[in-house]
């Protein structure tokens, strides 16, 4: 059965009028109805959501809202408008959007709310209107927040997030754990909006305006209170640790709280060991190399990092000597293969390898292995 077959004649007529985006003809049609306009709405046919999907003018959006007497804007409708024949539609944006909706169907069963549709179209005038009329930014559709659905549809932009933040969206109600799959720029923006927010800025401005003094201890306490407003979930740290994206781990660390420095160091060391999947200390070596080569705020000194990496190098060299002395060519090759990332740091010249060969009178097989990995 085609979609148009399940529409009443009046629904078909108003659909055509909305496609044309003509408010005068729409008013004439509404005035000709013998029943209230909202009688045309049904489970799969909602005039407000439809008008937003067709990118109708803001005046038409307001007209439909007022004439349909919506008691709430926090409802969902099964969006089947992608099935309508859009071949004669002049607006390419609408046609392309409708054509792409089939791709989006699987992500959320194509269930829509008015606020979600207006955000999908970046119709910020309508977004603000709907929020002011009671549309809830935290309204869930199939268990997902609107922000999550926009991300799944690849329709989330920084402009949309900024607009929602400006209108009161906050991590106070939206748990940061739900941002774990978002791009880092969105996580960062939400954090910066929530911590050191407008109230904190007003506090600082009042201090300046009134020329009021404040002790370092009291100011540090106030800063720590701001930081402690949010607790970064461990899975976020682990996500970027595993990717070796240490700059992002460092950024998140500033929300950890200075009084928890010891536990953070233990946490980092524990999970570097956890991510040492090949048991070759590469996760440790890479992290401490970052500490050595970059200015950072991690609670590890450069001296500490240098000592740790030097210890790794010493232990690797000792292991190689042990395997050479035991003439264990299979284990030696496996070891060199698994530790290929650090071989260039173990011996600074070919002569050192040759001295090693001569000192232990190694077999030809061992020589071949050393030649292969150290290019002698």
Protein backbone atom coordinates (compact mmCIF):
# COMPACT_ATOMS: atom_id res chain seq x y z
CA UNK A 1 0.00 0.00 0.00
CA UNK A 2 1.39 3.41 -0.96
CA UNK A 3 1.61 6.14 1.66
CA UNK A 4 -0.81 8.39 -0.19
CA UNK A 5 -3.40 5.59 -0.08
CA UNK A 6 -3.57 5.79 3.72
CA UNK A 7 -4.02 9.58 3.78
CA UNK A 8 -7.41 11.23 3.82
CA UNK A 9 -8.26 13.68 1.07
CA UNK A 10 -7.81 16.62 3.45
CA UNK A 11 -4.41 15.34 4.53
CA UNK A 12 -3.37 15.07 0.90
CA UNK A 13 -4.51 18.63 0.23
CA UNK A 14 -2.69 20.16 3.16
CA UNK A 15 0.42 18.16 2.31
CA UNK A 16 0.46 19.75 -1.16
CA UNK A 17 -0.06 23.22 0.34
CA UNK A 18 2.85 22.71 2.74
CA UNK A 19 5.06 21.59 -0.12
CA UNK A 20 4.29 24.88 -1.87
CA UNK A 21 5.11 26.83 1.32
CA UNK A 22 2.21 29.24 0.65
CA UNK A 23 0.84 30.65 3.89
CA UNK A 24 -2.12 32.50 2.31
CA UNK A 25 -3.52 29.41 0.61
CA UNK A 26 -2.84 27.44 3.77
CA UNK A 27 -4.89 29.93 5.81
CA UNK A 28 -7.74 29.72 3.29
CA UNK A 29 -7.70 25.93 3.53
CA UNK A 30 -7.69 25.97 7.35
CA UNK A 31 -10.59 28.45 7.42
CA UNK A 32 -12.59 26.21 5.09
CA UNK A 33 -12.36 23.22 7.42
CA UNK A 34 -15.48 22.28 9.34
CA UNK A 35 -13.44 20.62 12.10
CA UNK A 36 -10.40 21.83 14.09
CA UNK A 37 -7.08 21.58 12.25
CA UNK A 38 -5.62 19.14 14.78
CA UNK A 39 -8.18 16.52 13.67
CA UNK A 40 -5.89 15.92 10.68
CA UNK A 41 -3.08 14.74 12.97
CA UNK A 42 -2.60 11.02 13.56
CA UNK A 43 0.09 8.58 14.69
CA UNK A 44 2.00 8.85 11.40
CA UNK A 45 0.82 12.26 10.25
CA UNK A 46 1.69 15.30 12.34
CA UNK A 47 1.35 18.72 10.79
CA UNK A 48 4.03 20.44 12.88
CA UNK A 49 6.65 17.76 12.27
CA UNK A 50 5.66 17.61 8.61
CA UNK A 51 5.96 21.40 8.17
CA UNK A 52 9.41 21.31 9.81
CA UNK A 53 10.46 18.40 7.58
CA UNK A 54 9.38 20.34 4.49
CA UNK A 55 11.32 23.41 5.70
CA UNK A 56 8.23 25.60 5.69
CA UNK A 57 8.51 29.26 6.65
CA UNK A 58 8.59 30.21 10.32
CA UNK A 59 5.18 31.86 9.91
CA UNK A 60 3.67 28.56 8.78
CA UNK A 61 5.32 26.78 11.73
CA UNK A 62 3.78 29.28 14.17
CA UNK A 63 0.40 29.10 12.44
CA UNK A 64 0.25 25.30 12.70
CA UNK A 65 1.42 25.35 16.31
CA UNK A 66 -1.24 27.87 17.29
CA UNK A 67 -4.11 26.32 15.31
CA UNK A 68 -3.37 22.72 16.36
CA UNK A 69 -3.47 23.62 20.05
CA UNK A 70 -0.52 21.39 21.02
CA UNK A 71 -0.59 20.60 24.73
CA UNK A 72 3.03 19.36 24.63
CA UNK A 73 5.87 19.37 22.15
CA UNK A 74 7.51 16.34 23.74
CA UNK A 75 5.96 13.65 21.58
CA UNK A 76 7.09 11.45 18.72
CA UNK A 77 5.69 10.59 15.34
CA UNK A 78 6.73 7.89 12.91
CA UNK A 79 8.28 9.87 10.09
CA UNK A 80 7.07 8.37 6.79
CA UNK A 81 7.46 11.51 4.71
CA UNK A 82 10.42 10.08 2.84
CA UNK A 83 7.88 7.87 1.04
CA UNK A 84 6.02 10.80 -0.45
CA UNK A 85 6.66 11.61 -4.08
CA UNK A 86 9.12 14.51 -3.99
CA UNK A 87 10.01 14.42 -7.69
CA UNK A 88 8.24 17.71 -8.41
CA UNK A 89 9.57 19.53 -5.37
CA UNK A 90 11.63 22.60 -6.31
CA UNK A 91 13.68 22.84 -3.12
CA UNK A 92 16.80 20.69 -3.65
CA UNK A 93 17.61 20.72 0.07
CA UNK A 94 14.24 19.13 0.86
CA UNK A 95 14.54 16.58 -1.92
CA UNK A 96 18.06 15.57 -0.86
CA UNK A 97 17.02 15.38 2.78
CA UNK A 98 13.98 13.24 2.00
CA UNK A 99 16.08 10.96 -0.19
CA UNK A 100 18.62 10.52 2.62
CA UNK A 101 16.01 9.66 5.24
CA UNK A 102 15.94 6.03 4.18
CA UNK A 103 19.57 5.81 5.25
CA UNK A 104 18.71 7.32 8.64
CA UNK A 105 15.72 5.05 9.27
CA UNK A 106 17.69 2.22 10.84
CA UNK A 107 19.41 4.48 13.38
CA UNK A 108 16.24 5.39 15.28
CA UNK A 109 13.39 3.62 13.47
CA UNK A 110 12.79 7.04 11.89
CA UNK A 111 10.82 8.25 14.91
CA UNK A 112 10.92 12.04 15.17
CA UNK A 113 10.00 14.84 17.54
CA UNK A 114 9.46 18.45 16.42
CA UNK A 115 12.67 19.63 18.12
CA UNK A 116 14.73 16.86 16.52
CA UNK A 117 13.45 17.70 13.03
CA UNK A 118 14.12 21.43 13.45
CA UNK A 119 17.69 20.65 14.57
CA UNK A 120 18.22 18.24 11.68
CA UNK A 121 17.41 21.11 9.33
CA UNK A 122 19.44 23.68 11.32
CA UNK A 123 16.25 25.74 11.57
CA UNK A 124 17.43 27.71 14.59
CA UNK A 125 14.51 30.11 14.61
CA UNK A 126 12.12 27.19 14.95
CA UNK A 127 14.43 25.48 17.47
CA UNK A 128 14.32 28.54 19.74
CA UNK A 129 10.55 28.88 19.28
CA UNK A 130 9.96 25.23 20.20
CA UNK A 131 12.24 25.40 23.26
CA UNK A 132 10.44 28.54 24.45
CA UNK A 133 7.13 26.70 24.02
CA UNK A 134 8.29 23.80 26.17
CA UNK A 135 10.21 21.42 23.90
CA UNK A 136 12.56 19.49 26.19
CA UNK A 137 16.20 19.30 25.03
CA UNK A 138 16.56 16.17 27.20
CA UNK A 139 13.51 14.43 25.72
CA UNK A 140 14.42 10.84 24.83
CA UNK A 141 13.37 9.09 21.64
CA UNK A 142 13.73 5.31 21.80
CA UNK A 143 15.94 5.74 24.85
CA UNK A 144 18.30 8.23 23.17
CA UNK A 145 18.73 11.94 23.69
CA UNK A 146 18.28 14.24 20.70
CA UNK A 147 22.00 15.08 20.83
CA UNK A 148 22.88 11.39 20.51
CA UNK A 149 20.51 10.94 17.56
CA UNK A 150 22.03 13.92 15.73
CA UNK A 151 25.49 12.38 16.21
CA UNK A 152 24.29 9.01 14.89
CA UNK A 153 22.80 10.73 11.86
CA UNK A 154 26.05 12.64 11.33
CA UNK A 155 24.03 15.87 11.58
CA UNK A 156 25.58 17.26 14.76
CA UNK A 157 27.58 20.47 14.27
CA UNK A 158 29.33 22.81 16.67
CA UNK A 159 26.81 25.51 15.79
CA UNK A 160 23.93 23.27 16.86
CA UNK A 161 25.65 22.33 20.11
CA UNK A 162 26.47 25.98 20.87
CA UNK A 163 22.86 26.92 20.23
CA UNK A 164 21.61 24.24 22.64
CA UNK A 165 24.19 25.26 25.28
CA UNK A 166 23.10 28.88 24.91
CA UNK A 167 19.52 27.79 25.55
CA UNK A 168 20.34 25.89 28.73
CA UNK A 169 21.63 22.48 27.71
CA UNK A 170 24.07 21.25 30.36
CA UNK A 171 25.99 18.24 31.65
CA UNK A 172 23.99 18.65 34.85
CA UNK A 173 21.20 16.61 33.23
CA UNK A 174 23.08 14.97 30.35
CA UNK A 175 25.57 12.51 31.81
CA UNK A 176 29.03 12.92 30.34
CA UNK A 177 29.29 9.13 29.93
CA UNK A 178 26.89 9.45 27.01
CA UNK A 179 29.44 11.62 25.20
CA UNK A 180 32.05 8.85 25.08
CA UNK A 181 31.40 8.17 21.37
CA UNK A 182 31.28 11.85 20.38
CA UNK A 183 34.11 13.72 18.69
CA UNK A 184 36.44 15.25 21.26
CA UNK A 185 35.55 18.84 20.27
CA UNK A 186 31.98 18.25 21.49
CA UNK A 187 33.16 16.72 24.77
CA UNK A 188 35.49 19.68 25.32
CA UNK A 189 32.79 22.23 24.56
CA UNK A 190 30.31 20.64 26.98
CA UNK A 191 32.93 20.49 29.73
CA UNK A 192 33.98 24.11 29.27
CA UNK A 193 30.37 25.22 29.33
CA UNK A 194 29.63 23.34 32.55
CA UNK A 195 32.82 23.93 34.55
CA UNK A 196 33.88 27.55 35.11
CA UNK A 197 30.44 28.54 33.88
CA UNK A 198 28.76 31.95 33.80
CA UNK A 199 28.21 31.92 37.58
CA UNK A 200 31.95 31.45 38.19
CA UNK A 201 32.77 34.24 35.73
CA UNK A 202 30.28 36.54 37.51
CA UNK A 203 31.96 35.69 40.82
CA UNK A 204 35.36 36.75 39.44
CA UNK A 205 33.91 39.92 37.90
CA UNK A 206 32.31 40.86 41.23
CA UNK A 207 35.66 40.41 42.99
CA UNK A 208 37.28 42.71 40.45
CA UNK A 209 34.45 45.25 40.47
CA UNK A 210 34.38 45.50 44.26
CA UNK A 211 38.17 45.33 44.51
CA UNK A 212 37.70 42.55 47.03
CA UNK A 213 40.74 40.58 48.08
CA UNK A 214 40.80 36.78 48.24
CA UNK A 215 43.44 34.49 49.67
CA UNK A 216 45.22 31.96 47.46
CA UNK A 217 43.83 29.17 49.64
CA UNK A 218 40.25 30.35 49.26
CA UNK A 219 40.62 30.90 45.52
CA UNK A 220 42.17 27.44 45.07
CA UNK A 221 39.26 26.00 47.05
CA UNK A 222 36.77 27.77 44.78
CA UNK A 223 38.56 26.50 41.65
CA UNK A 224 38.60 22.93 43.01
CA UNK A 225 34.88 23.18 43.73
CA UNK A 226 34.32 24.05 40.07
CA UNK A 227 36.48 21.17 38.87
CA UNK A 228 34.73 18.75 41.21
CA UNK A 229 31.35 19.60 39.68
CA UNK A 230 32.09 16.95 37.08
CA UNK A 231 33.65 13.51 37.36
CA UNK A 232 35.24 12.35 34.13
CA UNK A 233 34.37 8.66 33.59
CA UNK A 234 37.39 6.38 33.41
CA UNK A 235 36.28 5.04 30.04
CA UNK A 236 37.02 8.44 28.49
CA UNK A 237 40.60 8.39 29.78
CA UNK A 238 40.99 4.79 28.61
CA UNK A 239 39.63 5.61 25.16
CA UNK A 240 42.35 8.18 24.51
CA UNK A 241 45.08 6.28 26.37
CA UNK A 242 44.46 3.30 24.13
CA UNK A 243 44.68 5.55 21.06
CA UNK A 244 47.87 7.13 22.45
CA UNK A 245 46.15 10.49 22.16
CA UNK A 246 47.89 11.84 25.22
CA UNK A 247 46.98 15.49 24.59
CA UNK A 248 43.31 14.61 25.12
CA UNK A 249 44.13 12.59 28.23
CA UNK A 250 46.05 15.61 29.53
CA UNK A 251 43.11 17.90 28.81
CA UNK A 252 40.73 15.64 30.74
CA UNK A 253 43.24 15.41 33.60
CA UNK A 254 42.73 19.08 34.47
CA UNK A 255 39.22 18.12 35.62
CA UNK A 256 40.59 15.41 37.89
CA UNK A 257 41.29 17.59 40.93
CA UNK A 258 44.75 18.25 42.37
CA UNK A 259 43.95 16.41 45.60
CA UNK A 260 43.60 13.18 43.58
CA UNK A 261 47.01 13.36 41.87
CA UNK A 262 48.35 10.22 43.54
CA UNK A 263 45.36 8.11 42.49
CA UNK A 264 45.62 9.46 38.93
CA UNK A 265 49.28 8.41 38.69
CA UNK A 266 48.37 4.93 39.92
CA UNK A 267 45.49 4.78 37.47
CA UNK A 268 47.72 5.73 34.51
CA UNK A 269 50.42 3.21 35.43
CA UNK A 270 47.86 0.45 35.97
CA UNK A 271 46.25 0.94 32.58
CA UNK A 272 49.52 1.38 30.72
CA UNK A 273 50.21 -2.11 31.97
CA UNK A 274 46.71 -3.20 30.90
CA UNK A 275 47.28 -1.87 27.37
CA UNK A 276 50.65 -3.65 27.16
CA UNK A 277 48.96 -6.30 25.03
CA UNK A 278 52.20 -7.71 23.57
CA UNK A 279 53.96 -7.61 26.95
CA UNK A 280 56.75 -5.53 25.42
CA UNK A 281 56.37 -2.29 27.45
CA UNK A 282 55.53 -0.29 24.32
CA UNK A 283 52.56 1.45 25.99
CA UNK A 284 54.87 2.64 28.81
CA UNK A 285 57.65 3.67 26.44
CA UNK A 286 55.32 5.69 24.19
CA UNK A 287 53.66 7.46 27.11
CA UNK A 288 56.93 8.38 28.81
CA UNK A 289 58.35 9.52 25.49
CA UNK A 290 55.44 11.96 25.32
CA UNK A 291 56.31 13.22 28.81
CA UNK A 292 59.96 13.65 27.81
CA UNK A 293 59.35 15.43 24.50
CA UNK A 294 56.38 17.67 25.37
CA UNK A 295 55.55 20.34 27.89
CA UNK A 296 52.61 18.92 29.81
CA UNK A 297 50.69 18.97 33.09
CA UNK A 298 50.76 15.23 33.83
CA UNK A 299 51.88 14.34 37.38
CA UNK A 300 55.08 12.74 36.06
CA UNK A 301 58.37 14.62 35.90
CA UNK A 302 60.66 14.38 32.87
CA UNK A 303 63.35 12.86 35.09
CA UNK A 304 60.94 10.13 36.16
CA UNK A 305 59.99 9.42 32.52
CA UNK A 306 63.65 9.31 31.41
CA UNK A 307 64.51 6.86 34.19
CA UNK A 308 61.56 4.63 33.31
CA UNK A 309 62.48 4.46 29.64
CA UNK A 310 66.15 3.89 30.42
CA UNK A 311 65.12 0.98 32.66
CA UNK A 312 63.06 -0.48 29.79
CA UNK A 313 66.07 -0.20 27.44
CA UNK A 314 68.46 -1.80 29.95
CA UNK A 315 66.11 -4.73 30.55
CA UNK A 316 65.68 -5.27 26.80
CA UNK A 317 69.45 -5.38 26.28
CA UNK A 318 69.87 -7.83 29.14
CA UNK A 319 67.21 -10.09 27.66
CA UNK A 320 68.91 -10.06 24.23
CA UNK A 321 72.26 -11.01 25.80
CA UNK A 322 70.58 -13.83 27.73
CA UNK A 323 69.00 -15.26 24.56
CA UNK A 324 72.28 -14.96 22.62
CA UNK A 325 74.24 -16.69 25.38
CA UNK A 326 71.70 -19.52 25.42
CA UNK A 327 71.90 -19.73 21.64
CA UNK A 328 68.09 -19.67 21.52
CA UNK A 329 67.51 -18.44 18.00
CA UNK A 330 63.70 -18.99 17.95
CA UNK A 331 63.08 -17.03 21.14
CA UNK A 332 65.56 -14.36 20.07
CA UNK A 333 63.78 -13.78 16.76
CA UNK A 334 60.38 -13.65 18.49
CA UNK A 335 61.71 -11.20 21.06
CA UNK A 336 63.26 -8.90 18.44
CA UNK A 337 60.11 -8.98 16.36
CA UNK A 338 57.89 -8.05 19.34
CA UNK A 339 60.26 -5.26 20.38
CA UNK A 340 61.04 -3.86 16.96
CA UNK A 341 59.70 -0.46 18.09
CA UNK A 342 62.69 0.10 20.39
CA UNK A 343 65.58 -1.70 18.72
CA UNK A 344 67.04 1.56 17.39
CA UNK A 345 67.53 2.68 21.01
CA UNK A 346 69.29 -0.46 22.23
CA UNK A 347 72.52 -0.24 20.28
CA UNK A 348 73.83 3.02 18.86
CA UNK A 349 76.12 1.51 16.22
CA UNK A 350 76.76 -1.63 14.18
CA UNK A 351 80.07 -2.10 15.97
CA UNK A 352 78.21 -2.77 19.23
CA UNK A 353 76.33 -5.64 17.59
CA UNK A 354 79.56 -7.01 16.11
CA UNK A 355 81.20 -6.87 19.54
CA UNK A 356 78.22 -8.78 20.92
CA UNK A 357 78.63 -11.46 18.25
CA UNK A 358 82.36 -11.82 18.90
CA UNK A 359 82.03 -11.81 22.68
CA UNK A 360 79.63 -14.75 22.81
CA UNK A 361 80.86 -16.65 19.77
CA UNK A 362 77.31 -17.01 18.46
CA UNK A 363 76.04 -19.47 15.87
CA UNK A 364 75.45 -18.53 12.24
CA UNK A 365 71.69 -18.65 12.84
CA UNK A 366 71.97 -16.03 15.58
CA UNK A 367 74.20 -13.90 13.33
CA UNK A 368 71.60 -14.03 10.57
CA UNK A 369 68.86 -12.98 12.99
CA UNK A 370 70.91 -10.07 14.34
CA UNK A 371 71.84 -9.01 10.81
CA UNK A 372 68.16 -9.05 9.83
CA UNK A 373 66.94 -6.84 12.67
CA UNK A 374 69.94 -4.56 13.14
CA UNK A 375 70.85 -4.28 9.45
CA UNK A 376 74.51 -5.12 9.88
